[in-house]
Every structure is written in C-alpha cells, then in structure tokens.
C-alpha cells in the first residue's frame, strides 16, 4: 500500500503495517496524506528515500518475516545497511548487522573501528581496535618504526578519514600506551592539569590541532 523510491529510482511496493511494527520511526515516515480513493498502482503513495536500491533491498528483507534474509558480502554493504537501520531505529536489523560487522573486524579492523565509532557502537569499536593493535610488532625497535608509519597506514583507510579527530587521537594513544577509556566519546570526567604538555596530549579531546 506504499512505494518506497530509492535514490537511484528503484521502487519497492511494500506494506506499511510490517515496517510500522519493525519501527515506529519508520511507521511515522510512511504516513503521508492519503488520497480519498486508490484504484490503481499510480494512486499508491510514493515516498522518496535517501538510500540506494541495494541498501533498501537489504533493509526490507530484514524487516519482512517470510522473505529470505540478504547475503551481505562486503563491509561497504554492512556500513550502508547499518547506517540506514540506525537512522530508522530498526533495532532488530541493527542487532543482526552488528554481528556481520564484528565478523569483518578480523580482516578489516580499522574500517570496522571507523564505522563503529561514527555510529556510536563502542563495544564493536573496542573489539576492532584490540584486533588491530594486537597485530603490531613485538620488539621495542620494531614498535618504534611501526608507530612512525601508523598514522599513514590509518589514513589510507577511507572510513578512517571520516572519524572525529578525538577518536583518531584516542586510538593512537591506545596503540602507544595500551590504556583504554573508550573511543566513540571522550570520558565524562575531565580534570584540568596545569602542565600544558599533559593537557594538550589528553585522549578526551574532540579536536586535534
């Protein structure tokens, strides 16, 4: 009884009641003014969506109970579907997609870290950061050489260019000290220290100049 139109003009004729059950946010979105009478497909309301056809297809397959679940093969697909599910507060989809995100952490930990940080999933960000850090060289000399190039390595990952400066800095501090207080957001308690060197090297900042 409604057609979702993707950003690349793919139409999905769906049932509002199913998506309303999946998310009240989705239900509100799909409630445009209705014509008095609908006798043909052209009368069915159309709702323009920001997501592309592939992302909407994956998202809707998770929502429909009797439809085969999508086979999400790439981390880019995981990112797109997770972003859409978070946007529409589709908790059942988020839960399933996070499991796929965690699977990718073993092969692409930095990308997973960046995706998790941007969307505020701290547990997944911590797990990915640990996997990435545990792969570093062991000896002191090797570690020093590794740290000199680690920022360049990180910047090569497209997703890492989109994380906040604070999350980037906290990841660097974690790699250097192994101390972890969190990545997605700075710690709640901030103590000001008169030693400026310590003040400006804290991990709870959100901007690095």
N, C-alpha and C. Protein backbone atom coordinates (compact mmCIF):
# COMPACT_ATOMS: atom_id res chain seq x y z
N UNK A 1 0.81 -1.21 0.00
CA UNK A 1 0.00 0.00 0.00
C UNK A 1 0.86 1.28 0.00
N UNK A 2 2.14 1.15 -0.25
CA UNK A 2 3.01 2.32 -0.38
C UNK A 2 4.25 1.89 -1.18
N UNK A 3 4.84 2.81 -1.90
CA UNK A 3 6.02 2.50 -2.69
C UNK A 3 7.19 3.36 -2.22
N UNK A 4 8.26 2.71 -1.82
CA UNK A 4 9.49 3.42 -1.46
C UNK A 4 10.33 3.57 -2.73
N UNK A 5 10.79 4.76 -2.98
CA UNK A 5 11.61 5.03 -4.16
C UNK A 5 13.02 5.37 -3.72
N UNK A 6 13.98 4.56 -4.14
CA UNK A 6 15.37 4.74 -3.73
C UNK A 6 15.99 5.96 -4.41
N UNK A 7 17.19 6.32 -3.97
CA UNK A 7 17.87 7.48 -4.55
C UNK A 7 18.23 7.25 -6.01
N UNK A 8 18.35 5.98 -6.42
CA UNK A 8 18.63 5.68 -7.83
C UNK A 8 17.37 5.19 -8.56
N UNK A 9 16.20 5.60 -8.03
CA UNK A 9 14.91 5.44 -8.71
C UNK A 9 14.45 4.00 -8.85
N UNK A 10 14.75 3.18 -7.85
CA UNK A 10 14.21 1.82 -7.79
C UNK A 10 13.01 1.84 -6.85
N UNK A 11 11.86 1.30 -7.30
CA UNK A 11 10.65 1.32 -6.49
C UNK A 11 10.42 0.01 -5.76
N UNK A 12 10.00 0.10 -4.50
CA UNK A 12 9.68 -1.07 -3.69
C UNK A 12 8.26 -0.92 -3.16
N UNK A 13 7.37 -1.76 -3.66
CA UNK A 13 5.98 -1.72 -3.20
C UNK A 13 5.88 -2.57 -1.94
N UNK A 14 5.59 -1.95 -0.83
CA UNK A 14 5.65 -2.65 0.46
C UNK A 14 4.36 -2.41 1.28
N UNK A 15 4.31 -3.06 2.43
CA UNK A 15 3.17 -2.95 3.33
C UNK A 15 3.57 -2.10 4.54
N UNK A 16 2.87 -1.00 4.74
CA UNK A 16 3.22 -0.10 5.84
C UNK A 16 3.14 -0.78 7.19
N UNK A 17 2.19 -1.68 7.37
CA UNK A 17 1.99 -2.30 8.67
C UNK A 17 3.23 -3.08 9.11
N UNK A 18 3.90 -3.73 8.16
CA UNK A 18 5.08 -4.52 8.50
C UNK A 18 6.22 -3.62 8.98
N UNK A 19 6.45 -2.53 8.26
CA UNK A 19 7.52 -1.63 8.65
C UNK A 19 7.16 -0.85 9.92
N UNK A 20 5.88 -0.59 10.12
CA UNK A 20 5.45 0.09 11.34
C UNK A 20 5.72 -0.77 12.57
N UNK A 21 5.54 -2.08 12.41
CA UNK A 21 5.84 -3.00 13.51
C UNK A 21 7.34 -3.05 13.77
N UNK A 22 8.14 -3.00 12.69
CA UNK A 22 9.59 -3.05 12.84
C UNK A 22 10.13 -1.81 13.52
N UNK A 23 9.50 -0.66 13.27
CA UNK A 23 9.99 0.59 13.86
C UNK A 23 8.90 1.65 13.80
N UNK A 24 8.62 2.28 14.94
CA UNK A 24 7.65 3.38 14.95
C UNK A 24 8.17 4.56 14.15
N UNK A 25 9.49 4.72 14.13
CA UNK A 25 10.10 5.79 13.34
C UNK A 25 9.80 5.59 11.86
N UNK A 26 9.93 4.35 11.40
CA UNK A 26 9.63 4.02 10.01
C UNK A 26 8.14 4.22 9.75
N UNK A 27 7.32 3.85 10.70
CA UNK A 27 5.88 3.99 10.53
C UNK A 27 5.47 5.44 10.35
N UNK A 28 6.07 6.34 11.13
CA UNK A 28 5.75 7.77 11.01
C UNK A 28 6.20 8.31 9.65
N UNK A 29 7.36 7.85 9.19
CA UNK A 29 7.87 8.30 7.90
C UNK A 29 6.94 7.92 6.77
N UNK A 30 6.32 6.75 6.89
CA UNK A 30 5.50 6.22 5.79
C UNK A 30 4.03 6.59 5.94
N UNK A 31 3.74 7.71 6.57
CA UNK A 31 2.35 8.11 6.77
C UNK A 31 2.07 9.47 6.12
N UNK A 32 2.26 9.57 4.80
CA UNK A 32 1.93 10.82 4.10
C UNK A 32 0.41 10.94 3.95
N UNK A 33 -0.10 12.10 3.61
CA UNK A 33 -1.55 12.23 3.37
C UNK A 33 -2.01 11.27 2.28
N UNK A 34 -3.13 10.59 2.52
CA UNK A 34 -3.63 9.57 1.60
C UNK A 34 -4.74 10.14 0.72
N UNK A 35 -4.79 9.77 -0.57
CA UNK A 35 -5.93 10.19 -1.41
C UNK A 35 -7.19 9.49 -0.95
N UNK A 36 -8.34 10.08 -1.27
CA UNK A 36 -9.61 9.53 -0.81
C UNK A 36 -9.87 8.15 -1.36
N UNK A 37 -9.42 7.89 -2.60
CA UNK A 37 -9.67 6.59 -3.20
C UNK A 37 -8.45 6.16 -4.00
N UNK A 38 -8.06 4.88 -3.88
CA UNK A 38 -6.92 4.37 -4.61
C UNK A 38 -7.38 3.15 -5.40
N UNK A 39 -7.42 3.31 -6.72
CA UNK A 39 -7.96 2.25 -7.56
C UNK A 39 -6.91 1.60 -8.44
N UNK A 40 -5.75 2.22 -8.58
CA UNK A 40 -4.71 1.66 -9.42
C UNK A 40 -3.35 1.99 -8.82
N UNK A 41 -2.32 1.34 -9.37
CA UNK A 41 -0.99 1.48 -8.79
C UNK A 41 -0.51 2.92 -8.78
N UNK A 42 -0.91 3.72 -9.78
CA UNK A 42 -0.47 5.11 -9.84
C UNK A 42 -0.98 5.92 -8.66
N UNK A 43 -2.04 5.42 -8.00
CA UNK A 43 -2.59 6.12 -6.85
C UNK A 43 -1.89 5.76 -5.55
N UNK A 44 -1.06 4.73 -5.58
CA UNK A 44 -0.36 4.32 -4.36
C UNK A 44 0.67 5.39 -4.00
N UNK A 45 0.68 5.83 -2.74
CA UNK A 45 1.64 6.87 -2.35
C UNK A 45 3.08 6.44 -2.58
N UNK A 46 3.90 7.38 -3.03
CA UNK A 46 5.33 7.16 -3.24
C UNK A 46 6.09 7.97 -2.20
N UNK A 47 7.09 7.35 -1.60
CA UNK A 47 7.93 8.05 -0.62
C UNK A 47 9.38 7.98 -1.10
N UNK A 48 9.97 9.15 -1.33
CA UNK A 48 11.36 9.20 -1.78
C UNK A 48 12.29 8.94 -0.59
N UNK A 49 13.25 8.04 -0.78
CA UNK A 49 14.20 7.67 0.26
C UNK A 49 15.60 8.13 -0.13
N UNK A 50 16.43 8.36 0.87
CA UNK A 50 17.80 8.80 0.61
C UNK A 50 18.72 7.63 0.26
N UNK A 51 18.32 6.41 0.66
CA UNK A 51 19.16 5.23 0.45
C UNK A 51 19.05 4.73 -0.99
N UNK A 52 20.11 4.04 -1.46
CA UNK A 52 20.06 3.47 -2.81
C UNK A 52 19.27 2.17 -2.80
N UNK A 53 19.03 1.64 -4.01
CA UNK A 53 18.19 0.45 -4.15
C UNK A 53 18.74 -0.77 -3.45
N UNK A 54 20.05 -0.99 -3.54
CA UNK A 54 20.65 -2.16 -2.90
C UNK A 54 20.50 -2.10 -1.39
N UNK A 55 20.73 -0.93 -0.80
CA UNK A 55 20.60 -0.78 0.65
C UNK A 55 19.17 -0.99 1.10
N UNK A 56 18.21 -0.41 0.38
CA UNK A 56 16.80 -0.59 0.74
C UNK A 56 16.38 -2.04 0.60
N UNK A 57 16.87 -2.72 -0.43
CA UNK A 57 16.53 -4.13 -0.61
C UNK A 57 17.00 -4.95 0.59
N UNK A 58 18.24 -4.73 1.02
CA UNK A 58 18.77 -5.44 2.19
C UNK A 58 17.93 -5.11 3.43
N UNK A 59 17.64 -3.84 3.61
CA UNK A 59 16.92 -3.39 4.81
C UNK A 59 15.53 -4.01 4.87
N UNK A 60 14.83 -4.01 3.76
CA UNK A 60 13.46 -4.53 3.73
C UNK A 60 13.43 -6.04 3.92
N UNK A 61 14.44 -6.75 3.42
CA UNK A 61 14.49 -8.19 3.59
C UNK A 61 14.65 -8.57 5.06
N UNK A 62 15.35 -7.74 5.81
CA UNK A 62 15.46 -8.00 7.25
C UNK A 62 14.13 -7.77 7.95
N UNK A 63 13.34 -6.83 7.44
CA UNK A 63 12.08 -6.47 8.10
C UNK A 63 10.96 -7.45 7.79
N UNK A 64 10.95 -8.02 6.59
CA UNK A 64 9.87 -8.93 6.20
C UNK A 64 10.14 -10.33 6.77
N UNK A 65 9.21 -10.89 7.53
CA UNK A 65 9.46 -12.16 8.23
C UNK A 65 9.60 -13.38 7.33
N UNK A 66 8.94 -13.40 6.17
CA UNK A 66 8.95 -14.62 5.36
C UNK A 66 9.85 -14.50 4.12
N UNK A 67 10.59 -13.43 4.04
CA UNK A 67 11.48 -13.22 2.90
C UNK A 67 12.88 -13.68 3.27
N UNK A 68 13.59 -14.38 2.37
CA UNK A 68 14.96 -14.80 2.68
C UNK A 68 15.83 -13.61 3.03
N UNK A 69 16.64 -13.77 4.10
CA UNK A 69 17.49 -12.67 4.54
C UNK A 69 18.61 -12.42 3.51
N UNK A 70 19.03 -11.17 3.40
CA UNK A 70 20.02 -10.84 2.36
C UNK A 70 21.40 -11.40 2.67
N UNK A 71 22.13 -11.73 1.63
CA UNK A 71 23.51 -12.13 1.79
C UNK A 71 24.40 -10.91 1.62
N UNK A 72 24.86 -10.36 2.71
CA UNK A 72 25.67 -9.14 2.67
C UNK A 72 27.13 -9.55 2.60
N UNK A 73 27.75 -9.26 1.46
CA UNK A 73 29.08 -9.81 1.20
C UNK A 73 30.23 -8.85 1.46
N UNK A 74 29.95 -7.54 1.54
CA UNK A 74 31.03 -6.58 1.68
C UNK A 74 30.81 -5.68 2.89
N UNK A 75 31.91 -5.11 3.36
CA UNK A 75 31.83 -4.20 4.50
C UNK A 75 31.12 -2.90 4.11
N UNK A 76 31.23 -2.52 2.86
CA UNK A 76 30.51 -1.33 2.39
C UNK A 76 29.01 -1.53 2.52
N UNK A 77 28.54 -2.72 2.18
CA UNK A 77 27.11 -3.02 2.33
C UNK A 77 26.70 -3.00 3.80
N UNK A 78 27.55 -3.57 4.65
CA UNK A 78 27.28 -3.55 6.09
C UNK A 78 27.15 -2.11 6.57
N UNK A 79 28.09 -1.26 6.15
CA UNK A 79 28.08 0.14 6.56
C UNK A 79 26.78 0.83 6.13
N UNK A 80 26.38 0.63 4.89
CA UNK A 80 25.19 1.31 4.37
C UNK A 80 23.92 0.84 5.06
N UNK A 81 23.80 -0.47 5.26
CA UNK A 81 22.59 -1.00 5.90
C UNK A 81 22.55 -0.62 7.38
N UNK A 82 23.69 -0.66 8.04
CA UNK A 82 23.74 -0.29 9.46
C UNK A 82 23.39 1.19 9.64
N UNK A 83 23.88 2.03 8.74
CA UNK A 83 23.57 3.46 8.82
C UNK A 83 22.06 3.69 8.65
N UNK A 84 21.46 2.99 7.69
CA UNK A 84 20.02 3.14 7.45
C UNK A 84 19.21 2.58 8.62
N UNK A 85 19.62 1.43 9.14
CA UNK A 85 18.90 0.82 10.26
C UNK A 85 18.98 1.71 11.50
N UNK A 86 20.12 2.34 11.72
CA UNK A 86 20.27 3.26 12.85
C UNK A 86 19.41 4.49 12.66
N UNK A 87 19.40 4.99 11.45
CA UNK A 87 18.61 6.18 11.12
C UNK A 87 17.12 5.96 11.39
N UNK A 88 16.62 4.77 11.03
CA UNK A 88 15.20 4.48 11.19
C UNK A 88 14.88 3.71 12.47
N UNK A 89 15.89 3.55 13.32
CA UNK A 89 15.71 2.89 14.62
C UNK A 89 15.14 1.48 14.47
N UNK A 90 15.70 0.73 13.52
CA UNK A 90 15.28 -0.65 13.30
C UNK A 90 16.16 -1.57 14.14
N UNK A 91 15.77 -1.75 15.38
CA UNK A 91 16.62 -2.46 16.35
C UNK A 91 16.91 -3.90 15.94
N UNK A 92 15.94 -4.59 15.39
CA UNK A 92 16.15 -5.98 15.01
C UNK A 92 17.16 -6.08 13.87
N UNK A 93 17.17 -5.09 12.99
CA UNK A 93 18.15 -5.07 11.90
C UNK A 93 19.53 -4.71 12.44
N UNK A 94 19.58 -3.73 13.32
CA UNK A 94 20.86 -3.32 13.92
C UNK A 94 21.54 -4.51 14.59
N UNK A 95 20.77 -5.26 15.34
CA UNK A 95 21.32 -6.41 16.07
C UNK A 95 21.97 -7.42 15.12
N UNK A 96 21.30 -7.69 14.02
CA UNK A 96 21.84 -8.68 13.07
C UNK A 96 23.02 -8.13 12.28
N UNK A 97 22.96 -6.86 11.90
CA UNK A 97 24.05 -6.26 11.12
C UNK A 97 25.31 -6.09 11.97
N UNK A 98 25.15 -5.83 13.25
CA UNK A 98 26.33 -5.70 14.12
C UNK A 98 27.12 -7.01 14.16
N UNK A 99 26.43 -8.12 14.07
CA UNK A 99 27.13 -9.41 14.04
C UNK A 99 27.99 -9.53 12.79
N UNK A 100 27.45 -9.06 11.66
CA UNK A 100 28.25 -9.07 10.43
C UNK A 100 29.42 -8.11 10.54
N UNK A 101 29.19 -6.97 11.16
CA UNK A 101 30.27 -6.00 11.35
C UNK A 101 31.40 -6.62 12.17
N UNK A 102 31.04 -7.33 13.22
CA UNK A 102 32.05 -7.98 14.06
C UNK A 102 32.85 -9.02 13.29
N UNK A 103 32.20 -9.72 12.37
CA UNK A 103 32.91 -10.72 11.56
C UNK A 103 34.02 -10.08 10.73
N UNK A 104 33.76 -8.88 10.21
CA UNK A 104 34.73 -8.20 9.36
C UNK A 104 35.92 -7.65 10.16
N UNK A 105 35.77 -7.56 11.48
CA UNK A 105 36.86 -7.00 12.29
C UNK A 105 38.13 -7.83 12.20
N UNK A 106 38.00 -9.10 11.92
CA UNK A 106 39.19 -9.97 11.87
C UNK A 106 39.99 -9.75 10.59
N UNK A 107 39.36 -9.21 9.56
CA UNK A 107 40.07 -8.99 8.29
C UNK A 107 40.27 -7.51 7.98
N UNK A 108 39.39 -6.66 8.48
CA UNK A 108 39.48 -5.22 8.20
C UNK A 108 39.21 -4.41 9.48
N UNK A 109 40.06 -4.58 10.49
CA UNK A 109 39.77 -3.98 11.80
C UNK A 109 39.68 -2.46 11.79
N UNK A 110 40.52 -1.77 11.04
CA UNK A 110 40.47 -0.31 11.04
C UNK A 110 39.17 0.22 10.42
N UNK A 111 38.72 -0.40 9.37
CA UNK A 111 37.47 0.03 8.74
C UNK A 111 36.30 -0.23 9.69
N UNK A 112 36.32 -1.37 10.35
CA UNK A 112 35.26 -1.67 11.31
C UNK A 112 35.31 -0.68 12.47
N UNK A 113 36.51 -0.37 12.96
CA UNK A 113 36.66 0.62 14.03
C UNK A 113 36.04 1.95 13.62
N UNK A 114 36.33 2.39 12.42
CA UNK A 114 35.83 3.69 11.95
C UNK A 114 34.30 3.69 11.86
N UNK A 115 33.75 2.63 11.30
CA UNK A 115 32.29 2.53 11.15
C UNK A 115 31.63 2.53 12.53
N UNK A 116 32.17 1.73 13.45
CA UNK A 116 31.59 1.64 14.79
C UNK A 116 31.68 2.97 15.52
N UNK A 117 32.81 3.66 15.39
CA UNK A 117 32.97 4.96 16.07
C UNK A 117 31.99 5.99 15.54
N UNK A 118 31.85 6.06 14.24
CA UNK A 118 30.96 7.07 13.65
C UNK A 118 29.52 6.87 14.08
N UNK A 119 29.14 5.61 14.30
CA UNK A 119 27.74 5.33 14.64
C UNK A 119 27.52 5.12 16.14
N UNK A 120 28.61 5.21 16.91
CA UNK A 120 28.48 5.15 18.36
C UNK A 120 28.38 3.76 18.96
N UNK A 121 28.91 2.74 18.28
CA UNK A 121 28.87 1.38 18.81
C UNK A 121 30.22 1.08 19.48
N UNK A 122 30.30 1.40 20.76
CA UNK A 122 31.56 1.33 21.50
C UNK A 122 32.11 -0.08 21.60
N UNK A 123 31.28 -1.06 21.86
CA UNK A 123 31.77 -2.44 22.02
C UNK A 123 32.47 -2.92 20.75
N UNK A 124 31.88 -2.63 19.61
CA UNK A 124 32.47 -3.06 18.34
C UNK A 124 33.75 -2.27 18.04
N UNK A 125 33.78 -1.00 18.42
CA UNK A 125 34.98 -0.19 18.22
C UNK A 125 36.13 -0.72 19.07
N UNK A 126 35.85 -1.07 20.31
CA UNK A 126 36.89 -1.60 21.21
C UNK A 126 37.44 -2.93 20.67
N UNK A 127 36.55 -3.81 20.24
CA UNK A 127 36.99 -5.12 19.75
C UNK A 127 37.86 -4.97 18.51
N UNK A 128 37.46 -4.09 17.60
CA UNK A 128 38.23 -3.89 16.37
C UNK A 128 39.59 -3.26 16.68
N UNK A 129 39.62 -2.30 17.61
CA UNK A 129 40.88 -1.66 17.98
C UNK A 129 41.85 -2.67 18.60
N UNK A 130 41.33 -3.56 19.41
CA UNK A 130 42.19 -4.57 20.03
C UNK A 130 42.78 -5.52 18.99
N UNK A 131 41.94 -5.95 18.05
CA UNK A 131 42.43 -6.84 16.99
C UNK A 131 43.53 -6.14 16.19
N UNK A 132 43.29 -4.88 15.84
CA UNK A 132 44.28 -4.11 15.07
C UNK A 132 45.58 -3.94 15.86
N UNK A 133 45.45 -3.57 17.13
CA UNK A 133 46.64 -3.32 17.95
C UNK A 133 47.45 -4.59 18.19
N UNK A 134 46.78 -5.71 18.37
CA UNK A 134 47.48 -6.96 18.67
C UNK A 134 48.32 -7.46 17.51
N UNK A 135 48.15 -6.86 16.34
CA UNK A 135 48.94 -7.28 15.19
C UNK A 135 50.26 -6.52 15.06
N UNK A 136 50.51 -5.58 15.96
CA UNK A 136 51.72 -4.76 15.85
C UNK A 136 52.97 -5.58 16.16
N UNK A 137 54.15 -5.14 15.72
CA UNK A 137 55.40 -5.82 16.05
C UNK A 137 55.64 -5.86 17.55
N UNK A 138 56.46 -6.81 18.00
CA UNK A 138 56.65 -7.03 19.43
C UNK A 138 57.85 -6.27 20.01
N UNK A 139 59.01 -6.31 19.33
CA UNK A 139 60.21 -5.71 19.91
C UNK A 139 60.10 -4.19 19.98
N UNK A 140 60.88 -3.57 20.85
CA UNK A 140 60.83 -2.12 21.03
C UNK A 140 61.22 -1.39 19.74
N UNK A 141 62.27 -1.89 19.06
CA UNK A 141 62.72 -1.24 17.84
C UNK A 141 61.66 -1.32 16.75
N UNK A 142 61.05 -2.50 16.64
CA UNK A 142 60.02 -2.68 15.63
C UNK A 142 58.80 -1.81 15.95
N UNK A 143 58.47 -1.71 17.24
CA UNK A 143 57.32 -0.91 17.63
C UNK A 143 57.55 0.55 17.31
N UNK A 144 58.79 1.06 17.56
CA UNK A 144 59.10 2.45 17.26
C UNK A 144 58.93 2.75 15.77
N UNK A 145 59.46 1.86 14.94
CA UNK A 145 59.33 2.03 13.49
C UNK A 145 57.87 1.95 13.06
N UNK A 146 57.15 1.05 13.69
CA UNK A 146 55.74 0.87 13.35
C UNK A 146 54.93 2.12 13.70
N UNK A 147 55.21 2.72 14.86
CA UNK A 147 54.47 3.90 15.30
C UNK A 147 54.72 5.09 14.38
N UNK A 148 55.89 5.14 13.75
CA UNK A 148 56.20 6.26 12.86
C UNK A 148 55.33 6.23 11.61
N UNK A 149 54.90 5.07 11.22
CA UNK A 149 54.13 4.95 9.98
C UNK A 149 52.66 4.62 10.22
N UNK A 150 52.26 4.46 11.48
CA UNK A 150 50.90 4.01 11.76
C UNK A 150 49.85 5.03 11.32
N UNK A 151 50.14 6.33 11.49
CA UNK A 151 49.16 7.34 11.08
C UNK A 151 48.93 7.28 9.58
N UNK A 152 50.01 7.09 8.83
CA UNK A 152 49.87 6.99 7.37
C UNK A 152 49.08 5.74 6.99
N UNK A 153 49.33 4.65 7.70
CA UNK A 153 48.58 3.41 7.44
C UNK A 153 47.10 3.63 7.67
N UNK A 154 46.78 4.29 8.77
CA UNK A 154 45.39 4.52 9.12
C UNK A 154 44.71 5.41 8.08
N UNK A 155 45.42 6.45 7.64
CA UNK A 155 44.81 7.41 6.73
C UNK A 155 44.50 6.79 5.37
N UNK A 156 45.13 5.67 5.05
CA UNK A 156 44.85 5.00 3.79
C UNK A 156 43.45 4.39 3.76
N UNK A 157 42.89 4.15 4.94
CA UNK A 157 41.53 3.61 5.01
C UNK A 157 40.52 4.74 4.86
N UNK A 158 39.69 4.66 3.83
CA UNK A 158 38.76 5.75 3.54
C UNK A 158 37.87 6.08 4.73
N UNK A 159 37.34 5.06 5.41
CA UNK A 159 36.44 5.30 6.53
C UNK A 159 37.13 6.05 7.66
N UNK A 160 38.45 5.81 7.86
CA UNK A 160 39.15 6.46 8.96
C UNK A 160 39.26 7.97 8.76
N UNK A 161 39.13 8.42 7.52
CA UNK A 161 39.19 9.85 7.27
C UNK A 161 37.92 10.55 7.74
N UNK A 162 36.90 9.76 8.07
CA UNK A 162 35.61 10.32 8.47
C UNK A 162 35.38 10.30 9.97
N UNK A 163 36.28 9.67 10.74
CA UNK A 163 36.09 9.64 12.19
C UNK A 163 36.50 10.98 12.77
N UNK A 164 36.05 11.26 13.98
CA UNK A 164 36.42 12.51 14.63
C UNK A 164 37.91 12.50 14.97
N UNK A 165 38.48 13.69 15.09
CA UNK A 165 39.88 13.80 15.49
C UNK A 165 40.09 13.19 16.87
N UNK A 166 39.07 13.33 17.74
CA UNK A 166 39.19 12.76 19.08
C UNK A 166 39.30 11.25 19.06
N UNK A 167 38.47 10.60 18.24
CA UNK A 167 38.52 9.14 18.14
C UNK A 167 39.85 8.69 17.56
N UNK A 168 40.35 9.42 16.57
CA UNK A 168 41.65 9.11 15.97
C UNK A 168 42.76 9.21 17.03
N UNK A 169 42.73 10.29 17.79
CA UNK A 169 43.76 10.51 18.81
C UNK A 169 43.70 9.44 19.89
N UNK A 170 42.49 9.07 20.31
CA UNK A 170 42.36 8.05 21.35
C UNK A 170 42.85 6.70 20.86
N UNK A 171 42.67 6.43 19.56
CA UNK A 171 43.21 5.19 19.00
C UNK A 171 44.73 5.21 19.02
N UNK A 172 45.33 6.34 18.70
CA UNK A 172 46.78 6.46 18.73
C UNK A 172 47.33 6.28 20.15
N UNK A 173 46.63 6.87 21.11
CA UNK A 173 47.05 6.73 22.50
C UNK A 173 46.92 5.29 22.97
N UNK A 174 45.88 4.62 22.53
CA UNK A 174 45.70 3.21 22.88
C UNK A 174 46.82 2.37 22.30
N UNK A 175 47.21 2.64 21.06
CA UNK A 175 48.30 1.90 20.43
C UNK A 175 49.62 2.16 21.16
N UNK A 176 49.78 3.36 21.69
CA UNK A 176 51.04 3.73 22.34
C UNK A 176 51.12 3.25 23.78
N UNK A 177 50.01 3.32 24.52
CA UNK A 177 50.04 3.06 25.96
C UNK A 177 49.28 1.83 26.40
N UNK A 178 48.42 1.29 25.54
CA UNK A 178 47.53 0.15 25.87
C UNK A 178 46.45 0.53 26.87
N UNK A 179 46.32 1.82 27.20
CA UNK A 179 45.28 2.27 28.12
C UNK A 179 44.03 2.61 27.32
N UNK A 180 42.91 2.13 27.80
CA UNK A 180 41.67 2.30 27.05
C UNK A 180 40.55 2.82 27.95
N UNK A 181 40.00 3.98 27.58
CA UNK A 181 38.86 4.54 28.31
C UNK A 181 37.62 4.62 27.43
N UNK A 182 37.78 4.40 26.17
CA UNK A 182 36.66 4.49 25.24
C UNK A 182 37.09 5.24 23.99
N UNK A 183 36.38 5.00 22.89
CA UNK A 183 36.75 5.60 21.62
C UNK A 183 35.68 6.53 21.05
N UNK A 184 34.43 6.13 21.12
CA UNK A 184 33.38 6.88 20.44
C UNK A 184 33.18 8.27 21.02
N UNK A 185 33.30 8.39 22.34
CA UNK A 185 33.10 9.67 23.00
C UNK A 185 34.19 9.86 24.05
N UNK A 186 34.54 11.11 24.34
CA UNK A 186 35.55 11.35 25.38
C UNK A 186 35.01 10.97 26.74
N UNK A 187 35.90 10.67 27.72
CA UNK A 187 35.45 10.35 29.07
C UNK A 187 34.61 11.48 29.65
N UNK A 188 33.68 11.15 30.51
CA UNK A 188 32.78 12.14 31.09
C UNK A 188 33.50 13.12 32.01
N UNK A 189 34.45 12.62 32.78
CA UNK A 189 35.15 13.48 33.74
C UNK A 189 36.46 13.96 33.13
N UNK A 190 36.64 15.27 33.07
CA UNK A 190 37.85 15.87 32.52
C UNK A 190 38.53 16.68 33.63
N UNK A 191 39.73 16.31 33.98
CA UNK A 191 40.49 17.01 35.01
C UNK A 191 41.53 17.90 34.33
N UNK A 192 41.50 19.17 34.66
CA UNK A 192 42.44 20.12 34.08
C UNK A 192 43.76 20.05 34.83
N UNK A 193 44.83 19.91 34.10
CA UNK A 193 46.17 19.82 34.69
C UNK A 193 46.95 21.06 34.29
N UNK A 194 47.68 21.63 35.23
CA UNK A 194 48.43 22.85 34.95
C UNK A 194 49.60 22.60 34.00
N UNK A 195 50.03 21.37 33.90
CA UNK A 195 51.10 21.02 32.98
C UNK A 195 50.53 20.99 31.56
N UNK A 196 50.85 21.99 30.75
CA UNK A 196 50.24 22.12 29.43
C UNK A 196 50.56 20.95 28.51
N UNK A 197 51.76 20.36 28.68
CA UNK A 197 52.11 19.21 27.85
C UNK A 197 51.11 18.08 28.07
N UNK A 198 50.70 17.88 29.32
CA UNK A 198 49.74 16.83 29.62
C UNK A 198 48.34 17.22 29.17
N UNK A 199 48.00 18.51 29.33
CA UNK A 199 46.67 18.97 28.93
C UNK A 199 46.45 18.74 27.44
N UNK A 200 47.46 19.06 26.64
CA UNK A 200 47.29 19.01 25.20
C UNK A 200 47.54 17.63 24.60
N UNK A 201 47.86 16.67 25.44
CA UNK A 201 48.06 15.32 24.91
C UNK A 201 47.03 14.35 25.47
N UNK A 202 45.95 14.91 26.05
CA UNK A 202 44.93 14.05 26.64
C UNK A 202 44.09 13.37 25.56
N UNK A 203 43.57 12.20 25.91
CA UNK A 203 42.75 11.45 24.96
C UNK A 203 41.28 11.84 24.98
N UNK A 204 40.88 12.78 25.88
CA UNK A 204 39.47 13.12 25.95
C UNK A 204 39.12 14.37 25.14
N UNK A 205 40.05 14.83 24.33
CA UNK A 205 39.75 15.94 23.44
C UNK A 205 38.98 15.47 22.22
N UNK A 206 38.20 16.36 21.63
CA UNK A 206 37.44 16.02 20.42
C UNK A 206 38.01 16.62 19.15
N UNK A 207 39.01 17.49 19.32
CA UNK A 207 39.64 18.12 18.16
C UNK A 207 41.15 18.09 18.37
N UNK A 208 41.87 17.73 17.33
CA UNK A 208 43.32 17.76 17.38
C UNK A 208 43.79 18.84 16.41
N UNK A 209 44.51 19.85 16.90
CA UNK A 209 45.03 20.92 16.05
C UNK A 209 46.46 20.59 15.66
